Amino acid sequence: MLHDLLERLLSGSGGPAADHVGLGMLLAEAHHQSRERLDQALRPLGVNIRSFGVLLALPMYGPVSQRDLTGHMGIDKSTMVRIIDELEEGGLVSRQRAPQDRRAYSIVLTLRGEQVLAEARQIAEQVGDQLFGWLTGPERRHLVELLRRLAGHAAPGAARSAG
């Protein structure tokens, strides 16, 4: 059972390897649980957390090429194609010829996409309040800072360059 194993790993009695594995598993479990809660809440809108992330990014970057969106979000190209295809099939985005390069397409929110994005934002706020609302402001900022540092340190090449 994962929870029993996790508790045993985090007990401190298994040595450094168990501590490290336990911490990684705890992060993965927290991610899995929070992602599942948001995915479940977004499901009636026909989107999931990944496609919601794309919908959130589009107003930030304006009409943007799929290639640029891939770079901004750190999603691999084939996954981005699948997400955009699903959003387009759902009528949430459209591919429009880019005015600066007629060979390229920009990804643009449709009116329905804007409406779904507004509803998804409300849902995400409610789920976020349930998941993180119990943290004080300073605790939340501290958690974000620790996770940013961890993500930066865990990035490929970071451990070698930090040493």
N, C-alpha and C. Protein backbone atom coordinates (compact mmCIF):
# COMPACT_ATOMS: atom_id res chain seq x y z
N MET A 1 0.85 -1.19 0.00
CA MET A 1 0.00 0.00 0.00
C MET A 1 0.89 1.24 0.00
N LEU A 2 0.63 2.15 -0.93
CA LEU A 2 1.48 3.32 -1.08
C LEU A 2 1.54 4.16 0.18
N HIS A 3 0.42 4.40 0.81
CA HIS A 3 0.43 5.29 1.97
C HIS A 3 1.24 4.71 3.13
N ASP A 4 1.12 3.40 3.34
CA ASP A 4 1.91 2.76 4.39
C ASP A 4 3.39 2.83 4.04
N LEU A 5 3.73 2.51 2.80
CA LEU A 5 5.12 2.58 2.37
C LEU A 5 5.64 4.01 2.49
N LEU A 6 4.84 4.96 2.06
CA LEU A 6 5.24 6.36 2.14
C LEU A 6 5.52 6.77 3.58
N GLU A 7 4.65 6.40 4.48
CA GLU A 7 4.86 6.73 5.89
C GLU A 7 6.13 6.08 6.42
N ARG A 8 6.38 4.85 6.02
CA ARG A 8 7.58 4.16 6.48
C ARG A 8 8.84 4.83 5.92
N LEU A 9 8.78 5.22 4.64
CA LEU A 9 9.93 5.88 4.04
C LEU A 9 10.21 7.23 4.69
N LEU A 10 9.16 7.94 5.05
CA LEU A 10 9.31 9.28 5.63
C LEU A 10 9.56 9.26 7.14
N SER A 11 9.57 8.09 7.74
CA SER A 11 9.75 7.99 9.19
C SER A 11 11.15 8.37 9.64
N GLY A 12 12.09 8.39 8.73
CA GLY A 12 13.47 8.74 9.09
C GLY A 12 14.32 7.56 9.51
N SER A 13 13.74 6.38 9.57
CA SER A 13 14.51 5.22 10.05
C SER A 13 15.11 4.40 8.92
N GLY A 14 14.88 4.80 7.67
CA GLY A 14 15.39 4.01 6.55
C GLY A 14 16.68 4.53 5.94
N GLY A 15 17.21 5.60 6.49
CA GLY A 15 18.45 6.16 5.96
C GLY A 15 18.19 7.18 4.86
N PRO A 16 19.27 7.80 4.38
CA PRO A 16 19.13 8.88 3.38
C PRO A 16 18.43 8.44 2.10
N ALA A 17 18.71 7.25 1.60
CA ALA A 17 18.06 6.82 0.36
C ALA A 17 16.55 6.77 0.53
N ALA A 18 16.09 6.18 1.63
CA ALA A 18 14.65 6.10 1.89
C ALA A 18 14.06 7.49 2.08
N ASP A 19 14.79 8.38 2.75
CA ASP A 19 14.31 9.75 2.94
C ASP A 19 14.11 10.44 1.60
N HIS A 20 15.09 10.31 0.70
CA HIS A 20 15.00 10.96 -0.61
C HIS A 20 13.87 10.37 -1.45
N VAL A 21 13.78 9.05 -1.47
CA VAL A 21 12.71 8.40 -2.24
C VAL A 21 11.36 8.77 -1.64
N GLY A 22 11.25 8.77 -0.33
CA GLY A 22 10.00 9.13 0.32
C GLY A 22 9.57 10.55 0.01
N LEU A 23 10.50 11.47 0.03
CA LEU A 23 10.18 12.86 -0.28
C LEU A 23 9.71 12.99 -1.73
N GLY A 24 10.40 12.32 -2.64
CA GLY A 24 9.97 12.33 -4.04
C GLY A 24 8.58 11.74 -4.22
N MET A 25 8.32 10.64 -3.52
CA MET A 25 7.01 10.02 -3.60
C MET A 25 5.93 10.91 -2.99
N LEU A 26 6.27 11.62 -1.94
CA LEU A 26 5.32 12.54 -1.32
C LEU A 26 4.97 13.68 -2.28
N LEU A 27 5.97 14.23 -2.95
CA LEU A 27 5.71 15.28 -3.95
C LEU A 27 4.83 14.74 -5.07
N ALA A 28 5.14 13.52 -5.53
CA ALA A 28 4.35 12.91 -6.60
C ALA A 28 2.91 12.68 -6.15
N GLU A 29 2.72 12.23 -4.93
CA GLU A 29 1.37 11.98 -4.40
C GLU A 29 0.59 13.28 -4.29
N ALA A 30 1.22 14.33 -3.78
CA ALA A 30 0.54 15.63 -3.68
C ALA A 30 0.15 16.14 -5.07
N HIS A 31 1.06 15.99 -6.03
CA HIS A 31 0.78 16.40 -7.41
C HIS A 31 -0.39 15.59 -7.97
N HIS A 32 -0.32 14.29 -7.80
CA HIS A 32 -1.36 13.41 -8.34
C HIS A 32 -2.73 13.76 -7.76
N GLN A 33 -2.80 13.93 -6.45
CA GLN A 33 -4.08 14.22 -5.80
C GLN A 33 -4.65 15.58 -6.24
N SER A 34 -3.80 16.60 -6.28
CA SER A 34 -4.30 17.92 -6.66
C SER A 34 -4.69 17.95 -8.14
N ARG A 35 -3.92 17.29 -8.99
CA ARG A 35 -4.25 17.23 -10.42
C ARG A 35 -5.56 16.48 -10.63
N GLU A 36 -5.73 15.38 -9.94
CA GLU A 36 -6.95 14.59 -10.09
C GLU A 36 -8.17 15.40 -9.65
N ARG A 37 -8.06 16.15 -8.56
CA ARG A 37 -9.19 16.97 -8.09
C ARG A 37 -9.57 18.02 -9.13
N LEU A 38 -8.56 18.70 -9.69
CA LEU A 38 -8.87 19.73 -10.68
C LEU A 38 -9.38 19.11 -11.98
N ASP A 39 -8.76 18.03 -12.43
CA ASP A 39 -9.25 17.36 -13.64
C ASP A 39 -10.71 16.95 -13.49
N GLN A 40 -11.06 16.39 -12.35
CA GLN A 40 -12.43 15.95 -12.09
C GLN A 40 -13.39 17.14 -12.12
N ALA A 41 -12.99 18.25 -11.54
CA ALA A 41 -13.85 19.43 -11.51
C ALA A 41 -14.00 20.07 -12.89
N LEU A 42 -12.96 19.97 -13.72
CA LEU A 42 -13.00 20.56 -15.06
C LEU A 42 -13.70 19.68 -16.09
N ARG A 43 -13.82 18.40 -15.80
CA ARG A 43 -14.37 17.43 -16.76
C ARG A 43 -15.70 17.86 -17.37
N PRO A 44 -16.65 18.40 -16.61
CA PRO A 44 -17.93 18.81 -17.24
C PRO A 44 -17.76 19.89 -18.32
N LEU A 45 -16.66 20.62 -18.28
CA LEU A 45 -16.42 21.64 -19.30
C LEU A 45 -15.75 21.06 -20.54
N GLY A 46 -15.35 19.78 -20.47
CA GLY A 46 -14.69 19.15 -21.60
C GLY A 46 -13.21 19.46 -21.70
N VAL A 47 -12.61 19.90 -20.59
CA VAL A 47 -11.18 20.18 -20.58
C VAL A 47 -10.54 19.47 -19.39
N ASN A 48 -9.22 19.36 -19.45
CA ASN A 48 -8.46 18.83 -18.33
C ASN A 48 -7.41 19.86 -17.95
N ILE A 49 -6.56 19.53 -17.02
CA ILE A 49 -5.60 20.51 -16.52
C ILE A 49 -4.62 20.96 -17.60
N ARG A 50 -4.22 20.05 -18.49
CA ARG A 50 -3.30 20.43 -19.56
C ARG A 50 -3.94 21.39 -20.55
N SER A 51 -5.16 21.05 -20.99
CA SER A 51 -5.82 21.93 -21.95
C SER A 51 -6.21 23.25 -21.28
N PHE A 52 -6.54 23.22 -20.00
CA PHE A 52 -6.81 24.45 -19.25
C PHE A 52 -5.55 25.31 -19.22
N GLY A 53 -4.39 24.71 -19.04
CA GLY A 53 -3.14 25.45 -19.06
C GLY A 53 -2.93 26.17 -20.39
N VAL A 54 -3.27 25.50 -21.48
CA VAL A 54 -3.16 26.13 -22.81
C VAL A 54 -4.14 27.28 -22.92
N LEU A 55 -5.38 27.05 -22.47
CA LEU A 55 -6.38 28.13 -22.52
C LEU A 55 -5.93 29.33 -21.70
N LEU A 56 -5.31 29.09 -20.54
CA LEU A 56 -4.79 30.18 -19.72
C LEU A 56 -3.66 30.93 -20.42
N ALA A 57 -2.83 30.20 -21.14
CA ALA A 57 -1.66 30.80 -21.79
C ALA A 57 -2.04 31.68 -22.98
N LEU A 58 -3.08 31.32 -23.69
CA LEU A 58 -3.40 32.05 -24.93
C LEU A 58 -3.63 33.55 -24.72
N PRO A 59 -4.42 33.99 -23.73
CA PRO A 59 -4.56 35.43 -23.53
C PRO A 59 -3.25 36.10 -23.10
N MET A 60 -2.38 35.35 -22.43
CA MET A 60 -1.11 35.92 -21.98
C MET A 60 -0.17 36.21 -23.14
N TYR A 61 -0.19 35.34 -24.14
CA TYR A 61 0.75 35.46 -25.26
C TYR A 61 0.10 35.98 -26.52
N GLY A 62 -1.22 36.18 -26.49
CA GLY A 62 -1.92 36.69 -27.66
C GLY A 62 -1.96 35.63 -28.74
N PRO A 63 -2.39 35.98 -29.92
CA PRO A 63 -2.32 34.99 -30.98
C PRO A 63 -0.86 34.51 -31.09
N VAL A 64 -0.67 33.23 -30.95
CA VAL A 64 0.67 32.68 -30.85
C VAL A 64 0.75 31.41 -31.68
N SER A 65 1.92 31.16 -32.26
CA SER A 65 2.09 29.94 -33.03
C SER A 65 2.15 28.75 -32.08
N GLN A 66 1.81 27.60 -32.61
CA GLN A 66 1.87 26.38 -31.82
C GLN A 66 3.31 26.14 -31.35
N ARG A 67 4.27 26.42 -32.20
CA ARG A 67 5.69 26.25 -31.85
C ARG A 67 6.07 27.14 -30.67
N ASP A 68 5.68 28.41 -30.73
CA ASP A 68 6.00 29.33 -29.63
C ASP A 68 5.29 28.92 -28.34
N LEU A 69 4.05 28.47 -28.48
CA LEU A 69 3.29 28.04 -27.31
C LEU A 69 3.97 26.83 -26.66
N THR A 70 4.48 25.93 -27.48
CA THR A 70 5.22 24.77 -26.97
C THR A 70 6.41 25.23 -26.15
N GLY A 71 7.14 26.20 -26.65
CA GLY A 71 8.29 26.73 -25.93
C GLY A 71 7.92 27.44 -24.65
N HIS A 72 6.86 28.24 -24.69
CA HIS A 72 6.42 28.97 -23.50
C HIS A 72 5.98 28.03 -22.38
N MET A 73 5.35 26.92 -22.76
CA MET A 73 4.76 26.03 -21.76
C MET A 73 5.64 24.85 -21.38
N GLY A 74 6.68 24.60 -22.17
CA GLY A 74 7.54 23.45 -21.87
C GLY A 74 6.88 22.11 -22.11
N ILE A 75 5.96 22.07 -23.07
CA ILE A 75 5.27 20.83 -23.44
C ILE A 75 5.88 20.35 -24.75
N ASP A 76 6.08 19.03 -24.86
CA ASP A 76 6.67 18.54 -26.11
C ASP A 76 5.70 18.73 -27.27
N LYS A 77 6.28 18.78 -28.46
CA LYS A 77 5.54 19.14 -29.67
C LYS A 77 4.35 18.22 -29.95
N SER A 78 4.54 16.91 -29.82
CA SER A 78 3.44 15.99 -30.13
C SER A 78 2.30 16.12 -29.13
N THR A 79 2.62 16.36 -27.87
CA THR A 79 1.57 16.57 -26.87
C THR A 79 0.81 17.85 -27.16
N MET A 80 1.52 18.90 -27.53
CA MET A 80 0.86 20.17 -27.85
C MET A 80 -0.06 20.02 -29.05
N VAL A 81 0.37 19.29 -30.07
CA VAL A 81 -0.49 19.06 -31.24
C VAL A 81 -1.78 18.38 -30.81
N ARG A 82 -1.67 17.36 -29.97
CA ARG A 82 -2.85 16.64 -29.50
C ARG A 82 -3.78 17.57 -28.70
N ILE A 83 -3.20 18.38 -27.82
CA ILE A 83 -4.02 19.29 -27.00
C ILE A 83 -4.74 20.30 -27.89
N ILE A 84 -4.01 20.90 -28.82
CA ILE A 84 -4.62 21.89 -29.72
C ILE A 84 -5.69 21.25 -30.58
N ASP A 85 -5.43 20.04 -31.08
CA ASP A 85 -6.44 19.33 -31.87
C ASP A 85 -7.72 19.12 -31.05
N GLU A 86 -7.57 18.69 -29.79
CA GLU A 86 -8.74 18.47 -28.92
C GLU A 86 -9.48 19.77 -28.66
N LEU A 87 -8.73 20.84 -28.39
CA LEU A 87 -9.38 22.14 -28.14
C LEU A 87 -10.08 22.65 -29.38
N GLU A 88 -9.48 22.42 -30.54
CA GLU A 88 -10.10 22.85 -31.79
C GLU A 88 -11.36 22.04 -32.08
N GLU A 89 -11.30 20.72 -31.85
CA GLU A 89 -12.48 19.88 -32.04
C GLU A 89 -13.61 20.30 -31.11
N GLY A 90 -13.28 20.78 -29.92
CA GLY A 90 -14.28 21.24 -28.96
C GLY A 90 -14.76 22.66 -29.23
N GLY A 91 -14.22 23.30 -30.26
CA GLY A 91 -14.63 24.66 -30.61
C GLY A 91 -14.08 25.72 -29.68
N LEU A 92 -13.00 25.40 -28.95
CA LEU A 92 -12.45 26.35 -27.97
C LEU A 92 -11.33 27.20 -28.54
N VAL A 93 -10.64 26.70 -29.56
CA VAL A 93 -9.60 27.46 -30.22
C VAL A 93 -9.73 27.25 -31.73
N SER A 94 -9.09 28.13 -32.45
CA SER A 94 -9.01 27.96 -33.91
C SER A 94 -7.58 28.25 -34.35
N ARG A 95 -7.23 27.65 -35.45
CA ARG A 95 -5.93 27.92 -36.08
C ARG A 95 -6.19 28.93 -37.18
N GLN A 96 -5.52 30.07 -37.09
CA GLN A 96 -5.69 31.12 -38.09
C GLN A 96 -4.34 31.44 -38.70
N ARG A 97 -4.34 31.73 -39.97
CA ARG A 97 -3.09 32.10 -40.64
C ARG A 97 -2.46 33.29 -39.93
N ALA A 98 -1.16 33.17 -39.67
CA ALA A 98 -0.44 34.26 -39.01
C ALA A 98 -0.20 35.36 -40.03
N PRO A 99 -0.55 36.60 -39.70
CA PRO A 99 -0.38 37.69 -40.66
C PRO A 99 1.08 37.93 -41.05
N GLN A 100 2.01 37.69 -40.12
CA GLN A 100 3.42 37.95 -40.40
C GLN A 100 4.08 36.82 -41.20
N ASP A 101 3.45 35.63 -41.24
CA ASP A 101 4.00 34.49 -41.97
C ASP A 101 2.85 33.62 -42.44
N ARG A 102 2.48 33.74 -43.70
CA ARG A 102 1.31 33.04 -44.24
C ARG A 102 1.46 31.52 -44.19
N ARG A 103 2.66 31.01 -43.96
CA ARG A 103 2.86 29.56 -43.85
C ARG A 103 2.54 29.07 -42.45
N ALA A 104 2.56 29.96 -41.48
CA ALA A 104 2.35 29.59 -40.08
C ALA A 104 0.91 29.87 -39.65
N TYR A 105 0.53 29.22 -38.57
CA TYR A 105 -0.80 29.42 -37.99
C TYR A 105 -0.66 29.91 -36.57
N SER A 106 -1.56 30.80 -36.18
CA SER A 106 -1.66 31.25 -34.80
C SER A 106 -2.83 30.53 -34.14
N ILE A 107 -2.66 30.22 -32.87
CA ILE A 107 -3.72 29.60 -32.10
C ILE A 107 -4.48 30.71 -31.40
N VAL A 108 -5.79 30.76 -31.59
CA VAL A 108 -6.62 31.85 -31.09
C VAL A 108 -7.82 31.27 -30.34
N LEU A 109 -8.14 31.87 -29.20
CA LEU A 109 -9.35 31.48 -28.47
C LEU A 109 -10.59 31.87 -29.27
N THR A 110 -11.56 31.00 -29.30
CA THR A 110 -12.85 31.33 -29.89
C THR A 110 -13.72 31.96 -28.79
N LEU A 111 -14.88 32.44 -29.17
CA LEU A 111 -15.81 32.99 -28.18
C LEU A 111 -16.18 31.90 -27.17
N ARG A 112 -16.44 30.70 -27.67
CA ARG A 112 -16.75 29.57 -26.76
C ARG A 112 -15.55 29.27 -25.87
N GLY A 113 -14.34 29.37 -26.41
CA GLY A 113 -13.13 29.15 -25.63
C GLY A 113 -13.00 30.17 -24.50
N GLU A 114 -13.34 31.42 -24.80
CA GLU A 114 -13.29 32.47 -23.77
C GLU A 114 -14.29 32.18 -22.66
N GLN A 115 -15.48 31.70 -23.04
CA GLN A 115 -16.51 31.38 -22.04
C GLN A 115 -16.07 30.19 -21.17
N VAL A 116 -15.53 29.15 -21.81
CA VAL A 116 -15.07 27.98 -21.06
C VAL A 116 -13.90 28.37 -20.16
N LEU A 117 -13.02 29.21 -20.66
CA LEU A 117 -11.89 29.67 -19.85
C LEU A 117 -12.39 30.41 -18.60
N ALA A 118 -13.38 31.27 -18.75
CA ALA A 118 -13.93 32.00 -17.59
C ALA A 118 -14.52 31.03 -16.58
N GLU A 119 -15.26 30.03 -17.05
CA GLU A 119 -15.84 29.04 -16.14
C GLU A 119 -14.75 28.20 -15.48
N ALA A 120 -13.75 27.82 -16.26
CA ALA A 120 -12.65 27.00 -15.74
C ALA A 120 -11.85 27.76 -14.69
N ARG A 121 -11.68 29.06 -14.88
CA ARG A 121 -11.00 29.88 -13.87
C ARG A 121 -11.75 29.84 -12.54
N GLN A 122 -13.07 29.96 -12.60
CA GLN A 122 -13.88 29.91 -11.37
C GLN A 122 -13.73 28.55 -10.69
N ILE A 123 -13.79 27.49 -11.47
CA ILE A 123 -13.64 26.14 -10.92
C ILE A 123 -12.26 25.98 -10.29
N ALA A 124 -11.23 26.42 -11.00
CA ALA A 124 -9.86 26.30 -10.49
C ALA A 124 -9.68 27.09 -9.20
N GLU A 125 -10.33 28.24 -9.11
CA GLU A 125 -10.24 29.03 -7.89
C GLU A 125 -10.88 28.29 -6.72
N GLN A 126 -12.03 27.67 -6.97
CA GLN A 126 -12.70 26.91 -5.91
C GLN A 126 -11.87 25.70 -5.48
N VAL A 127 -11.36 24.95 -6.44
CA VAL A 127 -10.53 23.79 -6.12
C VAL A 127 -9.25 24.24 -5.42
N GLY A 128 -8.66 25.32 -5.92
CA GLY A 128 -7.45 25.85 -5.29
C GLY A 128 -7.68 26.27 -3.85
N ASP A 129 -8.84 26.89 -3.59
CA ASP A 129 -9.17 27.26 -2.21
C ASP A 129 -9.30 26.02 -1.32
N GLN A 130 -9.88 24.96 -1.87
CA GLN A 130 -10.00 23.71 -1.10
C GLN A 130 -8.64 23.09 -0.83
N LEU A 131 -7.77 23.12 -1.83
CA LEU A 131 -6.46 22.48 -1.70
C LEU A 131 -5.46 23.32 -0.91
N PHE A 132 -5.46 24.62 -1.16
CA PHE A 132 -4.40 25.47 -0.62
C PHE A 132 -4.89 26.57 0.32
N GLY A 133 -6.20 26.72 0.44
CA GLY A 133 -6.76 27.80 1.24
C GLY A 133 -6.41 27.75 2.71
N TRP A 134 -6.05 26.59 3.20
CA TRP A 134 -5.70 26.45 4.62
C TRP A 134 -4.30 26.98 4.91
N LEU A 135 -3.50 27.21 3.88
CA LEU A 135 -2.17 27.78 4.07
C LEU A 135 -2.28 29.28 4.30
N THR A 136 -1.48 29.80 5.21
CA THR A 136 -1.43 31.25 5.37
C THR A 136 -0.69 31.83 4.17
N GLY A 137 -0.80 33.13 3.97
CA GLY A 137 -0.07 33.78 2.88
C GLY A 137 1.42 33.51 2.93
N PRO A 138 2.07 33.73 4.09
CA PRO A 138 3.51 33.45 4.17
C PRO A 138 3.85 31.98 3.94
N GLU A 139 3.00 31.06 4.41
CA GLU A 139 3.26 29.63 4.17
C GLU A 139 3.19 29.31 2.68
N ARG A 140 2.20 29.87 2.03
CA ARG A 140 2.05 29.62 0.59
C ARG A 140 3.23 30.18 -0.19
N ARG A 141 3.64 31.40 0.13
CA ARG A 141 4.80 32.00 -0.55
C ARG A 141 6.05 31.17 -0.30
N HIS A 142 6.21 30.67 0.93
CA HIS A 142 7.36 29.84 1.28
C HIS A 142 7.33 28.53 0.49
N LEU A 143 6.16 27.91 0.40
CA LEU A 143 6.03 26.67 -0.38
C LEU A 143 6.37 26.91 -1.84
N VAL A 144 5.86 27.99 -2.41
CA VAL A 144 6.15 28.31 -3.81
C VAL A 144 7.65 28.52 -4.00
N GLU A 145 8.28 29.25 -3.09
CA GLU A 145 9.73 29.48 -3.19
C GLU A 145 10.51 28.17 -3.10
N LEU A 146 10.15 27.30 -2.17
CA LEU A 146 10.83 26.01 -2.04
C LEU A 146 10.65 25.16 -3.30
N LEU A 147 9.44 25.13 -3.82
CA LEU A 147 9.19 24.33 -5.02
C LEU A 147 9.91 24.90 -6.24
N ARG A 148 9.98 26.23 -6.34
CA ARG A 148 10.75 26.85 -7.44
C ARG A 148 12.22 26.47 -7.34
N ARG A 149 12.75 26.54 -6.15
CA ARG A 149 14.16 26.17 -5.95
C ARG A 149 14.39 24.71 -6.28
N LEU A 150 13.48 23.86 -5.84
CA LEU A 150 13.60 22.43 -6.13
C LEU A 150 13.53 22.18 -7.63
N ALA A 151 12.57 22.79 -8.30
CA ALA A 151 12.43 22.61 -9.75
C ALA A 151 13.68 23.11 -10.48
N GLY A 152 14.21 24.23 -10.05
CA GLY A 152 15.43 24.75 -10.67
C GLY A 152 16.63 23.85 -10.43
N HIS A 153 16.72 23.35 -9.22
CA HIS A 153 17.85 22.48 -8.87
C HIS A 153 17.74 21.12 -9.57
N ALA A 154 16.52 20.65 -9.78
CA ALA A 154 16.30 19.34 -10.40
C ALA A 154 16.40 19.39 -11.92
N ALA A 155 16.41 20.58 -12.49
CA ALA A 155 16.48 20.70 -13.97
C ALA A 155 17.76 20.05 -14.49
N PRO A 156 17.69 19.49 -15.71
CA PRO A 156 18.87 18.86 -16.29
C PRO A 156 20.07 19.83 -16.30
N GLY A 157 21.19 19.35 -15.82
CA GLY A 157 22.40 20.17 -15.79
C GLY A 157 22.54 21.04 -14.56
N ALA A 158 21.47 21.23 -13.80
CA ALA A 158 21.53 22.13 -12.63
C ALA A 158 22.42 21.58 -11.55
N ALA A 159 22.35 20.29 -11.30
CA ALA A 159 23.16 19.69 -10.22
C ALA A 159 24.65 19.80 -10.53
N ARG A 160 25.01 19.61 -11.80
CA ARG A 160 26.41 19.71 -12.19
C ARG A 160 26.91 21.15 -12.08
N SER A 161 26.06 22.09 -12.50
CA SER A 161 26.50 23.49 -12.48
C SER A 161 26.46 24.08 -11.07
N ALA A 162 25.62 23.49 -10.19
CA ALA A 162 25.54 24.01 -8.82
C ALA A 162 26.72 23.54 -7.97
N GLY A 163 27.38 22.46 -8.41
CA GLY A 163 28.46 21.89 -7.61
C GLY A 163 29.74 22.52 -7.85
